[in-house]
PDB file of N, CA and C in Angstrom:
ATOM      1  N   MET A   1       0.776  -1.195  -0.003  1.00  0.00           N
ATOM      2  CA  MET A   1      -0.085  -0.035  -0.012  1.00  0.00           C
ATOM      3  C   MET A   1       0.876   1.313  -0.015  1.00  0.00           C
ATOM      4  N   VAL A   2       1.838   1.259   0.802  1.00  0.00           N
ATOM      5  CA  VAL A   2       2.807   2.451   0.869  1.00  0.00           C
ATOM      6  C   VAL A   2       4.001   2.080   0.022  1.00  0.00           C
ATOM      7  N   ASN A   3       4.111   2.595  -1.083  1.00  0.00           N
ATOM      8  CA  ASN A   3       5.293   2.246  -1.925  1.00  0.00           C
ATOM      9  C   ASN A   3       5.732   3.564  -2.681  1.00  0.00           C
ATOM     10  N   PHE A   4       6.919   4.048  -2.383  1.00  0.00           N
ATOM     11  CA  PHE A   4       7.301   5.273  -2.958  1.00  0.00           C
ATOM     12  C   PHE A   4       8.529   5.027  -3.875  1.00  0.00           C
ATOM     13  N   GLU A   5       8.598   5.743  -4.972  1.00  0.00           N
ATOM     14  CA  GLU A   5       9.836   5.775  -5.804  1.00  0.00           C
ATOM     15  C   GLU A   5      10.723   6.747  -5.143  1.00  0.00           C
ATOM     16  N   SER A   6      12.049   6.891  -5.557  1.00  0.00           N
ATOM     17  CA  SER A   6      12.977   7.788  -4.919  1.00  0.00           C
ATOM     18  C   SER A   6      12.553   9.211  -5.071  1.00  0.00           C
ATOM     19  N   LYS A   7      12.054   9.590  -6.210  1.00  0.00           N
ATOM     20  CA  LYS A   7      11.608  10.994  -6.510  1.00  0.00           C
ATOM     21  C   LYS A   7      10.407  11.317  -5.629  1.00  0.00           C
ATOM     22  N   ASP A   8       9.381  10.405  -5.596  1.00  0.00           N
ATOM     23  CA  ASP A   8       8.212  10.623  -4.768  1.00  0.00           C
ATOM     24  C   ASP A   8       8.595  10.617  -3.261  1.00  0.00           C
ATOM     25  N   LYS A   9       9.475   9.778  -2.866  1.00  0.00           N
ATOM     26  CA  LYS A   9       9.808   9.656  -1.483  1.00  0.00           C
ATOM     27  C   LYS A   9      10.470  10.895  -0.989  1.00  0.00           C
ATOM     28  N   ASN A  10      11.322  11.503  -1.831  1.00  0.00           N
ATOM     29  CA  ASN A  10      11.997  12.779  -1.417  1.00  0.00           C
ATOM     30  C   ASN A  10      10.939  13.939  -1.308  1.00  0.00           C
ATOM     31  N   ARG A  11       9.970  13.967  -2.146  1.00  0.00           N
ATOM     32  CA  ARG A  11       8.825  14.978  -2.167  1.00  0.00           C
ATOM     33  C   ARG A  11       8.009  14.760  -0.962  1.00  0.00           C
ATOM     34  N   ALA A  12       7.680  13.469  -0.631  1.00  0.00           N
ATOM     35  CA  ALA A  12       6.850  13.184   0.481  1.00  0.00           C
ATOM     36  C   ALA A  12       7.611  13.548   1.824  1.00  0.00           C
ATOM     37  N   VAL A  13       8.873  13.282   1.919  1.00  0.00           N
ATOM     38  CA  VAL A  13       9.692  13.603   3.135  1.00  0.00           C
ATOM     39  C   VAL A  13       9.650  15.102   3.295  1.00  0.00           C
ATOM     40  N   PHE A  14       9.890  15.825   2.161  1.00  0.00           N
ATOM     41  CA  PHE A  14       9.926  17.316   2.320  1.00  0.00           C
ATOM     42  C   PHE A  14       8.565  17.912   2.697  1.00  0.00           C
ATOM     43  N   LEU A  15       7.493  17.411   2.133  1.00  0.00           N
ATOM     44  CA  LEU A  15       6.187  17.905   2.482  1.00  0.00           C
ATOM     45  C   LEU A  15       5.788  17.597   3.951  1.00  0.00           C
ATOM     46  N   LEU A  16       6.100  16.430   4.280  1.00  0.00           N
ATOM     47  CA  LEU A  16       5.751  15.935   5.689  1.00  0.00           C
ATOM     48  C   LEU A  16       6.634  16.769   6.731  1.00  0.00           C
ATOM     49  N   SER A  17       7.815  17.017   6.338  1.00  0.00           N
ATOM     50  CA  SER A  17       8.692  17.795   7.223  1.00  0.00           C
ATOM     51  C   SER A  17       8.183  19.267   7.351  1.00  0.00           C
ATOM     52  N   VAL A  18       7.836  19.888   6.275  1.00  0.00           N
ATOM     53  CA  VAL A  18       7.344  21.231   6.303  1.00  0.00           C
ATOM     54  C   VAL A  18       5.974  21.292   7.080  1.00  0.00           C
ATOM     55  N   ALA A  19       5.113  20.295   6.853  1.00  0.00           N
ATOM     56  CA  ALA A  19       3.859  20.261   7.538  1.00  0.00           C
ATOM     57  C   ALA A  19       4.061  20.094   9.056  1.00  0.00           C
ATOM     58  N   THR A  20       4.933  19.229   9.493  1.00  0.00           N
ATOM     59  CA  THR A  20       5.266  19.050  10.865  1.00  0.00           C
ATOM     60  C   THR A  20       5.864  20.357  11.473  1.00  0.00           C
ATOM     61  N   SER A  21       6.685  20.950  10.711  1.00  0.00           N
ATOM     62  CA  SER A  21       7.337  22.267  11.323  1.00  0.00           C
ATOM     63  C   SER A  21       6.261  23.324  11.428  1.00  0.00           C
ATOM     64  N   VAL A  22       5.374  23.425  10.492  1.00  0.00           N
ATOM     65  CA  VAL A  22       4.315  24.422  10.526  1.00  0.00           C
ATOM     66  C   VAL A  22       3.440  24.204  11.704  1.00  0.00           C
ATOM     67  N   VAL A  23       3.049  22.957  11.956  1.00  0.00           N
ATOM     68  CA  VAL A  23       2.206  22.568  13.111  1.00  0.00           C
ATOM     69  C   VAL A  23       2.941  22.952  14.422  1.00  0.00           C
ATOM     70  N   LEU A  24       4.159  22.489  14.567  1.00  0.00           N
ATOM     71  CA  LEU A  24       4.847  22.799  15.847  1.00  0.00           C
ATOM     72  C   LEU A  24       5.112  24.238  16.019  1.00  0.00           C
ATOM     73  N   MET A  25       5.407  25.034  14.865  1.00  0.00           N
ATOM     74  CA  MET A  25       5.550  26.432  15.051  1.00  0.00           C
ATOM     75  C   MET A  25       4.299  27.139  15.412  1.00  0.00           C
ATOM     76  N   SER A  26       3.228  26.648  14.894  1.00  0.00           N
ATOM     77  CA  SER A  26       1.850  27.187  15.289  1.00  0.00           C
ATOM     78  C   SER A  26       1.567  26.975  16.728  1.00  0.00           C
ATOM     79  N   LEU A  27       1.921  25.820  17.297  1.00  0.00           N
ATOM     80  CA  LEU A  27       1.744  25.527  18.697  1.00  0.00           C
ATOM     81  C   LEU A  27       2.664  26.452  19.524  1.00  0.00           C
ATOM     82  N   PHE A  28       3.853  26.686  19.138  1.00  0.00           N
ATOM     83  CA  PHE A  28       4.749  27.586  19.858  1.00  0.00           C
ATOM     84  C   PHE A  28       4.143  29.082  19.859  1.00  0.00           C
ATOM     85  N   LEU A  29       3.671  29.463  18.627  1.00  0.00           N
ATOM     86  CA  LEU A  29       3.050  30.778  18.500  1.00  0.00           C
ATOM     87  C   LEU A  29       1.813  30.906  19.458  1.00  0.00           C
ATOM     88  N   LEU A  30       1.011  29.906  19.363  1.00  0.00           N
ATOM     89  CA  LEU A  30      -0.199  29.926  20.296  1.00  0.00           C
ATOM     90  C   LEU A  30       0.145  29.949  21.741  1.00  0.00           C
ATOM     91  N   GLY A  31       1.168  29.284  22.081  1.00  0.00           N
ATOM     92  CA  GLY A  31       1.563  29.280  23.505  1.00  0.00           C
ATOM     93  C   GLY A  31       2.164  30.672  23.913  1.00  0.00           C
ATOM     94  N   THR A  32       2.946  31.279  23.031  1.00  0.00           N
ATOM     95  CA  THR A  32       3.537  32.603  23.401  1.00  0.00           C
ATOM     96  C   THR A  32       2.435  33.647  23.437  1.00  0.00           C
ATOM     97  N   LEU A  33       1.473  33.569  22.501  1.00  0.00           N
ATOM     98  CA  LEU A  33       0.323  34.560  22.466  1.00  0.00           C
ATOM     99  C   LEU A  33      -0.470  34.328  23.703  1.00  0.00           C
ATOM    100  N   LEU A  34      -0.781  33.194  24.000  1.00  0.00           N
ATOM    101  CA  LEU A  34      -1.628  32.954  25.226  1.00  0.00           C
ATOM    102  C   LEU A  34      -1.026  33.373  26.480  1.00  0.00           C
ATOM    103  N   ALA A  35       0.372  33.219  26.529  1.00  0.00           N
ATOM    104  CA  ALA A  35       1.138  33.678  27.664  1.00  0.00           C
ATOM    105  C   ALA A  35       1.083  35.218  27.764  1.00  0.00           C
ATOM    106  N   ASN A  36       1.161  35.817  26.646  1.00  0.00           N
ATOM    107  CA  ASN A  36       1.078  37.298  26.671  1.00  0.00           C
ATOM    108  C   ASN A  36      -0.305  37.789  26.986  1.00  0.00           C
ATOM    109  N   ILE A  37      -1.353  37.087  26.490  1.00  0.00           N
ATOM    110  CA  ILE A  37      -2.736  37.571  26.721  1.00  0.00           C
ATOM    111  C   ILE A  37      -3.237  37.393  28.157  1.00  0.00           C
ATOM    112  N   TYR A  38      -2.854  36.218  28.721  1.00  0.00           N
ATOM    113  CA  TYR A  38      -3.409  35.942  30.048  1.00  0.00           C
ATOM    114  C   TYR A  38      -2.507  36.455  31.192  1.00  0.00           C
ATOM    115  N   SER A  39      -1.351  36.912  30.917  1.00  0.00           N
ATOM    116  CA  SER A  39      -0.540  37.512  31.975  1.00  0.00           C
ATOM    117  C   SER A  39      -0.946  39.021  31.968  1.00  0.00           C
ATOM    118  N   GLY A  40      -0.713  39.639  33.055  1.00  0.00           N
ATOM    119  CA  GLY A  40      -1.070  41.095  33.173  1.00  0.00           C
ATOM    120  C   GLY A  40      -0.258  42.008  32.289  1.00  0.00           C
ATOM    121  N   GLU A  41       1.045  41.529  32.098  1.00  0.00           N
ATOM    122  CA  GLU A  41       1.932  42.288  31.309  1.00  0.00           C
ATOM    123  C   GLU A  41       2.503  41.402  30.152  1.00  0.00           C
ATOM    124  N   ALA A  42       3.079  41.964  29.189  1.00  0.00           N
ATOM    125  CA  ALA A  42       3.610  41.284  28.117  1.00  0.00           C
ATOM    126  C   ALA A  42       4.951  40.534  28.422  1.00  0.00           C
ATOM    127  N   PHE A  43       4.965  39.173  28.461  1.00  0.00           N
ATOM    128  CA  PHE A  43       6.202  38.455  28.708  1.00  0.00           C
ATOM    129  C   PHE A  43       7.165  38.587  27.633  1.00  0.00           C
ATOM    130  N   TYR A  44       6.593  38.475  26.370  1.00  0.00           N
ATOM    131  CA  TYR A  44       7.467  38.387  25.212  1.00  0.00           C
ATOM    132  C   TYR A  44       7.162  39.565  24.247  1.00  0.00           C
ATOM    133  N   THR A  45       8.223  40.167  23.690  1.00  0.00           N
ATOM    134  CA  THR A  45       8.056  41.191  22.731  1.00  0.00           C
ATOM    135  C   THR A  45       7.763  40.567  21.365  1.00  0.00           C
ATOM    136  N   LEU A  46       7.444  41.411  20.429  1.00  0.00           N
ATOM    137  CA  LEU A  46       7.079  40.848  19.090  1.00  0.00           C
ATOM    138  C   LEU A  46       8.378  40.295  18.500  1.00  0.00           C
ATOM    139  N   VAL A  47       9.500  40.791  18.762  1.00  0.00           N
ATOM    140  CA  VAL A  47      10.732  40.317  18.107  1.00  0.00           C
ATOM    141  C   VAL A  47      11.036  38.973  18.782  1.00  0.00           C
ATOM    142  N   ASP A  48      10.798  38.807  20.103  1.00  0.00           N
ATOM    143  CA  ASP A  48      10.963  37.490  20.797  1.00  0.00           C
ATOM    144  C   ASP A  48      10.063  36.480  20.092  1.00  0.00           C
ATOM    145  N   VAL A  49       8.828  36.705  19.804  1.00  0.00           N
ATOM    146  CA  VAL A  49       7.879  35.772  19.230  1.00  0.00           C
ATOM    147  C   VAL A  49       8.383  35.423  17.838  1.00  0.00           C
ATOM    148  N   VAL A  50       8.641  36.400  17.066  1.00  0.00           N
ATOM    149  CA  VAL A  50       8.994  36.204  15.616  1.00  0.00           C
ATOM    150  C   VAL A  50      10.384  35.361  15.474  1.00  0.00           C
ATOM    151  N   MET A  51      11.322  35.648  16.285  1.00  0.00           N
ATOM    152  CA  MET A  51      12.641  35.016  16.323  1.00  0.00           C
ATOM    153  C   MET A  51      12.402  33.586  16.879  1.00  0.00           C
ATOM    154  N   GLY A  52      11.550  33.435  17.875  1.00  0.00           N
ATOM    155  CA  GLY A  52      11.215  32.123  18.407  1.00  0.00           C
ATOM    156  C   GLY A  52      10.632  31.258  17.365  1.00  0.00           C
ATOM    157  N   CYS A  53       9.636  31.797  16.611  1.00  0.00           N
ATOM    158  CA  CYS A  53       8.924  30.956  15.628  1.00  0.00           C
ATOM    159  C   CYS A  53      10.005  30.603  14.514  1.00  0.00           C
ATOM    160  N   ILE A  54      10.891  31.458  14.115  1.00  0.00           N
ATOM    161  CA  ILE A  54      11.860  31.121  13.141  1.00  0.00           C
ATOM    162  C   ILE A  54      12.761  30.051  13.627  1.00  0.00           C
ATOM    163  N   PHE A  55      13.256  30.129  14.836  1.00  0.00           N
ATOM    164  CA  PHE A  55      14.035  29.160  15.477  1.00  0.00           C
ATOM    165  C   PHE A  55      13.395  27.742  15.536  1.00  0.00           C
ATOM    166  N   VAL A  56      12.043  27.713  15.983  1.00  0.00           N
ATOM    167  CA  VAL A  56      11.364  26.476  16.233  1.00  0.00           C
ATOM    168  C   VAL A  56      11.226  25.924  14.777  1.00  0.00           C
ATOM    169  N   PHE A  57      10.864  26.697  13.777  1.00  0.00           N
ATOM    170  CA  PHE A  57      10.710  26.122  12.368  1.00  0.00           C
ATOM    171  C   PHE A  57      11.952  25.580  11.898  1.00  0.00           C
ATOM    172  N   ILE A  58      13.132  26.177  12.035  1.00  0.00           N
ATOM    173  CA  ILE A  58      14.381  25.691  11.509  1.00  0.00           C
ATOM    174  C   ILE A  58      14.728  24.374  12.199  1.00  0.00           C
ATOM    175  N   ILE A  59      14.599  24.389  13.623  1.00  0.00           N
ATOM    176  CA  ILE A  59      15.048  23.213  14.357  1.00  0.00           C
ATOM    177  C   ILE A  59      14.095  22.076  14.016  1.00  0.00           C
ATOM    178  N   THR A  60      12.811  22.315  13.924  1.00  0.00           N
ATOM    179  CA  THR A  60      11.918  21.170  13.587  1.00  0.00           C
ATOM    180  C   THR A  60      12.052  20.700  12.119  1.00  0.00           C
ATOM    181  N   ILE A  61      12.440  21.524  11.253  1.00  0.00           N
ATOM    182  CA  ILE A  61      12.679  21.120   9.869  1.00  0.00           C
ATOM    183  C   ILE A  61      13.958  20.204   9.878  1.00  0.00           C
ATOM    184  N   ILE A  62      14.981  20.530  10.566  1.00  0.00           N
ATOM    185  CA  ILE A  62      16.146  19.752  10.681  1.00  0.00           C
ATOM    186  C   ILE A  62      15.853  18.346  11.219  1.00  0.00           C
ATOM    187  N   ILE A  63      15.167  18.390  12.335  1.00  0.00           N
ATOM    188  CA  ILE A  63      14.872  17.099  13.036  1.00  0.00           C
ATOM    189  C   ILE A  63      13.918  16.171  12.226  1.00  0.00           C
ATOM    190  N   SER A  64      12.819  16.792  11.736  1.00  0.00           N
ATOM    191  CA  SER A  64      11.949  16.051  10.922  1.00  0.00           C
ATOM    192  C   SER A  64      12.453  15.626   9.594  1.00  0.00           C
ATOM    193  N   LEU A  65      13.369  16.280   8.995  1.00  0.00           N
ATOM    194  CA  LEU A  65      14.036  15.750   7.788  1.00  0.00           C
ATOM    195  C   LEU A  65      14.863  14.560   7.979  1.00  0.00           C
ATOM    196  N   SER A  66      15.295  14.378   9.297  1.00  0.00           N
ATOM    197  CA  SER A  66      16.010  13.182   9.643  1.00  0.00           C
ATOM    198  C   SER A  66      15.186  12.073  10.113  1.00  0.00           C
ATOM    199  N   LEU A  67      13.975  12.392  10.593  1.00  0.00           N
ATOM    200  CA  LEU A  67      13.020  11.281  11.069  1.00  0.00           C
ATOM    201  C   LEU A  67      12.094  10.716  10.029  1.00  0.00           C
ATOM    202  N   TRP A  68      11.536  11.606   9.178  1.00  0.00           N
ATOM    203  CA  TRP A  68      10.555  11.131   8.240  1.00  0.00           C
ATOM    204  C   TRP A  68      10.987  10.022   7.320  1.00  0.00           C
ATOM    205  N   PRO A  69      12.195  10.153   6.748  1.00  0.00           N
ATOM    206  CA  PRO A  69      12.697   9.028   5.914  1.00  0.00           C
ATOM    207  C   PRO A  69      12.661   7.619   6.650  1.00  0.00           C
ATOM    208  N   ARG A  70      13.039   7.657   7.910  1.00  0.00           N
ATOM    209  CA  ARG A  70      13.040   6.409   8.631  1.00  0.00           C
ATOM    210  C   ARG A  70      11.636   5.881   8.767  1.00  0.00           C
ATOM    211  N   VAL A  71      10.623   6.841   9.104  1.00  0.00           N
ATOM    212  CA  VAL A  71       9.282   6.379   9.128  1.00  0.00           C
ATOM    213  C   VAL A  71       8.723   5.861   7.868  1.00  0.00           C
ATOM    214  N   LEU A  72       9.019   6.453   6.824  1.00  0.00           N
ATOM    215  CA  LEU A  72       8.578   5.953   5.537  1.00  0.00           C
ATOM    216  C   LEU A  72       9.167   4.653   5.169  1.00  0.00           C
ATOM    217  N   ASP A  73      10.441   4.428   5.457  1.00  0.00           N
ATOM    218  CA  ASP A  73      11.066   3.114   5.262  1.00  0.00           C
ATOM    219  C   ASP A  73      10.424   2.080   6.161  1.00  0.00           C
ATOM    220  N   TRP A  74      10.141   2.428   7.364  1.00  0.00           N
ATOM    221  CA  TRP A  74       9.471   1.478   8.246  1.00  0.00           C
ATOM    222  C   TRP A  74       8.075   1.020   7.709  1.00  0.00           C
ATOM    223  N   LEU A  75       7.331   2.116   7.253  1.00  0.00           N
ATOM    224  CA  LEU A  75       6.078   1.730   6.631  1.00  0.00           C
ATOM    225  C   LEU A  75       6.197   0.852   5.406  1.00  0.00           C
ATOM    226  N   GLU A  76       7.107   1.088   4.552  1.00  0.00           N
ATOM    227  CA  GLU A  76       7.260   0.293   3.393  1.00  0.00           C
ATOM    228  C   GLU A  76       7.692  -1.137   3.838  1.00  0.00           C
ATOM    229  N   ASN A  77       8.610  -1.295   4.768  1.00  0.00           N
ATOM    230  CA  ASN A  77       9.048  -2.597   5.206  1.00  0.00           C
ATOM    231  C   ASN A  77       7.908  -3.315   5.896  1.00  0.00           C
ATOM    232  N   ARG A  78       7.142  -2.673   6.655  1.00  0.00           N
ATOM    233  CA  ARG A  78       6.023  -3.356   7.296  1.00  0.00           C
ATOM    234  C   ARG A  78       4.963  -3.923   6.299  1.00  0.00           C
ATOM    235  N   GLU A  79       4.759  -3.169   5.201  1.00  0.00           N
ATOM    236  CA  GLU A  79       3.843  -3.632   4.177  1.00  0.00           C
ATOM    237  C   GLU A  79       4.469  -4.843   3.494  1.00  0.00           C
ATOM    238  N   GLN A  80       5.776  -4.841   3.187  1.00  0.00           N
ATOM    239  CA  GLN A  80       6.367  -5.916   2.529  1.00  0.00           C
ATOM    240  C   GLN A  80       6.381  -7.245   3.502  1.00  0.00           C
ATOM    241  N   VAL A  81       6.554  -7.024   4.744  1.00  0.00           N
ATOM    242  CA  VAL A  81       6.520  -8.147   5.650  1.00  0.00           C
ATOM    243  C   VAL A  81       5.136  -8.716   5.731  1.00  0.00           C
ATOM    244  N   LYS A  82       4.069  -7.883   5.702  1.00  0.00           N
ATOM    245  CA  LYS A  82       2.784  -8.335   5.729  1.00  0.00           C
ATOM    246  C   LYS A  82       2.429  -9.204   4.432  1.00  0.00           C
ATOM    247  N   LYS A  83       2.879  -8.725   3.279  1.00  0.00           N
ATOM    248  CA  LYS A  83       2.635  -9.385   2.001  1.00  0.00           C
ATOM    249  C   LYS A  83       3.412 -10.746   2.013  1.00  0.00           C
ATOM    250  N   SER A  84       4.575 -10.761   2.502  1.00  0.00           N
ATOM    251  CA  SER A  84       5.372 -12.015   2.542  1.00  0.00           C
ATOM    252  C   SER A  84       4.824 -13.017   3.550  1.00  0.00           C
ATOM    253  N   GLU A  85       4.090 -12.618   4.571  1.00  0.00           N
ATOM    254  CA  GLU A  85       3.578 -13.566   5.518  1.00  0.00           C
ATOM    255  C   GLU A  85       2.317 -14.254   4.884  1.00  0.00           C
ATOM    256  N   LEU A  86       1.663 -13.525   3.997  1.00  0.00           N
ATOM    257  CA  LEU A  86       0.399 -14.103   3.418  1.00  0.00           C
ATOM    258  C   LEU A  86       0.832 -15.154   2.400  1.00  0.00           C
TER     259      LEU A  86
END
């Protein structure tokens, strides 16, 4: 069911990494904005929030680009094992 060619696999890894990074960056942004809203005074300046979002995006891109290929390989191998057992 999960079978990628090398070109498709690279594209899938990149898209999954970007999607993961955007989701985690959004969670970071939500947390900082909620911290600023619910506290009496602003904990973080706009520069802190923007630079934090950029930092979180870059770090999560690096980490997810190393993790997603392993996940896709694991999914492909799992499907091959299931087919061979039948």
